[in-house]
Amino acid sequence: MGDTLFMPDYGTARCDFPKGSAATLFDSVQTLYQLPEDTRVFLCHDYLPESRHDYICETDIKTQKQFNIHIGTEKAEFVAMRQKRDATLRMPELILPSIQINMNAGRFPQPEQNGVSYLKLPLNYFK
């Protein structure tokens, strides 16, 4: 859940990474919302909006349903909002090495002839 729901005052995860989908994210949240409202939700990220001063790593389904700033909308509206917002975000610093692992469900790249797996980064492609 850490990269699906964030604290309600921050909303939801971005969807502009490879294989990302705002529509799939919306559907995933709707699945989570079917859980009992007292279900505890532990988050992997808390980006601490300016309106809050303490980091928090736990919430619950009821609080998400009531206060999540992104998910109180219809699917099409959510997808449009997420795509518009994601287009304004900078590429995260560690995205290039992370993405190579994440896209393969945590599996490392195939070893090369010397038996070593390498993460490969383009040096002159991204700005």
Protein backbone atom coordinates (compact mmCIF):
# COMPACT_ATOMS: atom_id res chain seq x y z
CA MET A 1 0.00 0.00 0.00
CA GLY A 2 2.97 2.31 0.44
CA ASP A 3 2.98 3.41 -3.18
CA THR A 4 -0.80 3.52 -3.55
CA LEU A 5 -2.18 5.64 -0.74
CA PHE A 6 -0.23 8.31 1.07
CA MET A 7 -1.46 10.15 4.14
CA PRO A 8 -4.91 11.58 3.34
CA ASP A 9 -3.58 15.14 3.35
CA TYR A 10 -1.08 14.21 0.62
CA GLY A 11 -3.28 11.94 -1.50
CA THR A 12 -1.96 9.19 -3.74
CA ALA A 13 1.18 8.02 -5.49
CA ARG A 14 2.28 9.32 -8.86
CA CYS A 15 1.58 7.15 -11.89
CA ASP A 16 4.03 8.42 -14.49
CA PHE A 17 6.64 5.71 -14.07
CA PRO A 18 6.96 2.92 -16.64
CA LYS A 19 3.94 0.60 -16.46
CA GLY A 20 2.20 3.15 -14.23
CA SER A 21 -1.52 3.75 -14.65
CA ALA A 22 -3.75 6.25 -12.89
CA ALA A 23 -6.77 4.10 -13.78
CA THR A 24 -5.17 1.03 -12.19
CA LEU A 25 -4.24 3.07 -9.12
CA PHE A 26 -7.85 4.24 -8.76
CA ASP A 27 -9.09 0.63 -9.05
CA SER A 28 -6.53 -0.52 -6.47
CA VAL A 29 -7.70 2.11 -4.01
CA GLN A 30 -11.32 1.05 -4.56
CA THR A 31 -10.29 -2.52 -3.70
CA LEU A 32 -8.61 -1.27 -0.52
CA TYR A 33 -11.74 0.69 0.34
CA GLN A 34 -13.67 -2.59 0.51
CA LEU A 35 -11.65 -3.59 3.58
CA PRO A 36 -13.17 -2.98 7.04
CA GLU A 37 -12.91 0.71 7.90
CA ASP A 38 -10.79 0.02 10.99
CA THR A 39 -8.12 -1.72 8.86
CA ARG A 40 -4.75 -0.18 9.65
CA VAL A 41 -2.78 1.08 6.65
CA PHE A 42 1.00 1.43 6.96
CA LEU A 43 2.58 3.78 4.46
CA CYS A 44 6.02 3.64 2.90
CA HIS A 45 6.20 7.38 2.25
CA ASP A 46 5.09 10.50 4.05
CA TYR A 47 6.05 13.63 2.16
CA LEU A 48 4.90 15.92 4.98
CA PRO A 49 2.75 18.63 3.44
CA GLU A 50 3.23 22.18 4.72
CA SER A 51 0.01 21.90 6.73
CA ARG A 52 1.51 19.19 9.01
CA HIS A 53 4.68 19.17 11.13
CA ASP A 54 5.10 15.50 12.09
CA TYR A 55 5.75 12.47 9.92
CA ILE A 56 3.13 9.73 10.18
CA CYS A 57 3.39 6.16 8.92
CA GLU A 58 -0.09 4.80 9.71
CA THR A 59 -3.68 5.62 8.94
CA ASP A 60 -6.85 3.55 8.43
CA ILE A 61 -9.36 2.92 5.67
CA LYS A 62 -12.08 5.07 7.26
CA THR A 63 -9.76 8.09 7.45
CA GLN A 64 -8.65 7.55 3.86
CA LYS A 65 -12.25 7.40 2.65
CA GLN A 66 -13.18 10.56 4.54
CA PHE A 67 -10.15 12.75 3.96
CA ASN A 68 -7.94 11.61 1.06
CA ILE A 69 -7.52 14.72 -1.07
CA HIS A 70 -7.29 12.76 -4.34
CA ILE A 71 -9.76 9.89 -4.17
CA GLY A 72 -13.05 11.64 -3.45
CA THR A 73 -13.76 11.83 -7.17
CA GLU A 74 -14.99 9.68 -10.02
CA LYS A 75 -12.44 7.56 -11.88
CA ALA A 76 -12.20 9.76 -15.00
CA GLU A 77 -11.74 12.89 -12.89
CA PHE A 78 -9.05 11.15 -10.79
CA VAL A 79 -7.17 9.95 -13.88
CA ALA A 80 -7.22 13.45 -15.41
CA MET A 81 -6.04 15.04 -12.14
CA ARG A 82 -3.27 12.47 -11.62
CA GLN A 83 -1.99 12.79 -15.20
CA LYS A 84 -2.00 16.60 -15.06
CA ARG A 85 -0.20 16.65 -11.70
CA ASP A 86 2.30 13.94 -12.64
CA ALA A 87 3.32 15.94 -15.72
CA THR A 88 4.62 18.68 -13.40
CA LEU A 89 6.77 16.43 -11.19
CA ARG A 90 10.54 16.10 -11.54
CA MET A 91 12.13 12.73 -12.03
CA PRO A 92 13.12 11.30 -8.60
CA GLU A 93 16.86 11.08 -7.99
CA LEU A 94 17.01 7.30 -7.62
CA ILE A 95 14.40 6.42 -10.24
CA LEU A 96 16.81 5.04 -12.84
CA PRO A 97 18.34 2.31 -10.68
CA SER A 98 15.06 1.62 -8.88
CA ILE A 99 12.98 1.25 -11.99
CA GLN A 100 15.14 -1.55 -13.35
CA ILE A 101 14.31 -3.66 -10.32
CA ASN A 102 10.71 -2.54 -9.79
CA MET A 103 9.63 -3.26 -13.37
CA ASN A 104 10.69 -6.87 -12.88
CA ALA A 105 8.89 -7.35 -9.56
CA GLY A 106 12.10 -7.12 -7.53
CA ARG A 107 14.15 -9.45 -9.68
CA PHE A 108 17.68 -8.36 -10.59
CA PRO A 109 18.70 -8.16 -14.26
CA GLN A 110 20.03 -11.35 -15.82
CA PRO A 111 23.72 -11.89 -15.09
CA GLU A 112 26.13 -11.12 -17.90
CA GLN A 113 28.83 -13.53 -19.11
CA ASN A 114 30.95 -12.83 -16.02
CA GLY A 115 28.06 -13.89 -13.74
CA VAL A 116 27.40 -10.37 -12.43
CA SER A 117 24.05 -8.57 -12.70
CA TYR A 118 24.37 -4.88 -13.60
CA LEU A 119 22.07 -1.91 -13.37
CA LYS A 120 22.62 0.15 -16.52
CA LEU A 121 22.06 3.89 -16.68
CA PRO A 122 21.94 6.05 -19.80
CA LEU A 123 24.49 8.83 -19.35
CA ASN A 124 23.35 11.31 -21.97
CA TYR A 125 19.64 10.61 -22.41
CA PHE A 126 17.86 12.34 -19.50
CA LYS A 127 18.14 16.00 -18.58
